[in-house]
Amino acid sequence: MTAATDLMNFAMLITFVTLALGQMLSMVRLLIGPTSGDRILALDTMVINALGLVVLLGIYQGVQIYFEVSLLIAMLGFVSTVALARFILRGDIIE
């Protein structure tokens, strides 16, 4: 292996650990968040961290299907965040 490959593997390891740590800290905020706004923000952050993990896994394995999955995760995360925020603000999602 070359030095560039070793550096890339080390960078991916650091990125995996950082995203996993962010995911766990967001879970803590989700559980102990004092307001519902904090919990919605924690869920949105968890979606973004999961998106990063899926993309990084796709880069690591060299499989392109993970990038399509990441688009689906991003769309579902956006819609769910908007729906939860509207529910908190108005009490219903669709008027």
Protein backbone atom coordinates (compact mmCIF):
# COMPACT_ATOMS: atom_id res chain seq x y z
CA MET A 1 0.00 0.00 0.00
CA THR A 2 1.09 3.52 -0.62
CA ALA A 3 1.18 6.43 1.77
CA ALA A 4 -1.82 8.02 0.02
CA THR A 5 -3.93 4.89 0.55
CA ASP A 6 -2.95 4.72 4.20
CA LEU A 7 -3.84 8.37 4.65
CA MET A 8 -7.20 7.87 2.94
CA ASN A 9 -8.04 4.88 5.15
CA PHE A 10 -7.06 6.85 8.25
CA ALA A 11 -9.21 9.81 7.16
CA MET A 12 -12.20 7.51 6.58
CA LEU A 13 -11.74 5.92 10.00
CA ILE A 14 -11.66 9.33 11.67
CA THR A 15 -14.76 10.38 9.71
CA PHE A 16 -16.67 7.21 10.65
CA VAL A 17 -15.84 7.75 14.33
CA THR A 18 -16.78 11.43 14.20
CA LEU A 19 -20.12 10.79 12.51
CA ALA A 20 -20.93 7.95 14.92
CA LEU A 21 -20.10 10.19 17.88
CA GLY A 22 -22.31 12.93 16.44
CA GLN A 23 -25.11 10.41 16.03
CA MET A 24 -24.82 9.32 19.66
CA LEU A 25 -24.74 12.89 20.95
CA SER A 26 -27.82 13.70 18.89
CA MET A 27 -29.54 10.69 20.44
CA VAL A 28 -28.75 12.06 23.90
CA ARG A 29 -30.23 15.44 22.91
CA LEU A 30 -33.29 13.64 21.56
CA LEU A 31 -33.83 11.86 24.85
CA ILE A 32 -33.14 14.72 27.27
CA GLY A 33 -34.04 17.73 25.12
CA PRO A 34 -36.03 20.12 27.27
CA THR A 35 -38.30 21.36 24.48
CA SER A 36 -39.90 19.79 21.45
CA GLY A 37 -37.88 22.14 19.22
CA ASP A 38 -34.68 20.63 20.60
CA ARG A 39 -35.99 17.16 19.85
CA ILE A 40 -36.93 18.07 16.27
CA LEU A 41 -33.50 19.59 15.72
CA ALA A 42 -31.87 16.45 17.17
CA LEU A 43 -33.87 14.27 14.76
CA ASP A 44 -32.83 16.44 11.83
CA THR A 45 -29.20 16.22 12.93
CA MET A 46 -29.51 12.45 13.19
CA VAL A 47 -30.81 12.32 9.61
CA ILE A 48 -27.84 14.37 8.43
CA ASN A 49 -25.39 12.15 10.33
CA ALA A 50 -27.03 9.01 8.91
CA LEU A 51 -26.77 10.56 5.46
CA GLY A 52 -23.07 11.16 5.99
CA LEU A 53 -22.54 7.60 7.21
CA VAL A 54 -24.30 6.13 4.17
CA VAL A 55 -22.32 8.29 1.73
CA LEU A 56 -19.06 7.44 3.50
CA LEU A 57 -19.93 3.74 3.41
CA GLY A 58 -20.57 4.05 -0.32
CA ILE A 59 -17.19 5.70 -0.84
CA TYR A 60 -15.44 3.08 1.30
CA GLN A 61 -17.03 0.10 -0.46
CA GLY A 62 -17.09 1.68 -3.91
CA VAL A 63 -20.76 0.84 -4.45
CA GLN A 64 -22.97 3.42 -6.15
CA ILE A 65 -26.31 2.24 -4.75
CA TYR A 66 -25.51 3.94 -1.44
CA PHE A 67 -25.62 7.33 -3.14
CA GLU A 68 -29.16 6.66 -4.36
CA VAL A 69 -30.12 5.55 -0.86
CA SER A 70 -28.66 8.78 0.51
CA LEU A 71 -30.96 10.79 -1.77
CA LEU A 72 -33.96 8.92 -0.38
CA ILE A 73 -32.79 9.50 3.19
CA ALA A 74 -32.34 13.21 2.48
CA MET A 75 -35.83 13.56 1.02
CA LEU A 76 -37.49 11.65 3.85
CA GLY A 77 -35.53 13.61 6.44
CA PHE A 78 -36.59 16.94 4.97
CA VAL A 79 -40.26 15.97 4.73
CA SER A 80 -40.33 14.55 8.25
CA THR A 81 -38.67 17.64 9.73
CA VAL A 82 -41.15 19.96 8.02
CA ALA A 83 -44.08 17.77 9.07
CA LEU A 84 -42.97 17.67 12.70
CA ALA A 85 -42.38 21.41 12.80
CA ARG A 86 -45.82 22.12 11.32
CA PHE A 87 -47.40 19.74 13.78
CA ILE A 88 -45.72 21.50 16.71
CA LEU A 89 -46.68 24.95 15.45
CA ARG A 90 -50.25 24.32 14.29
CA GLY A 91 -51.38 21.04 15.81
CA ASP A 92 -52.00 19.50 12.39
CA ILE A 93 -49.93 18.79 9.31
CA ILE A 94 -52.38 19.25 6.45
CA GLU A 95 -55.04 21.92 6.54
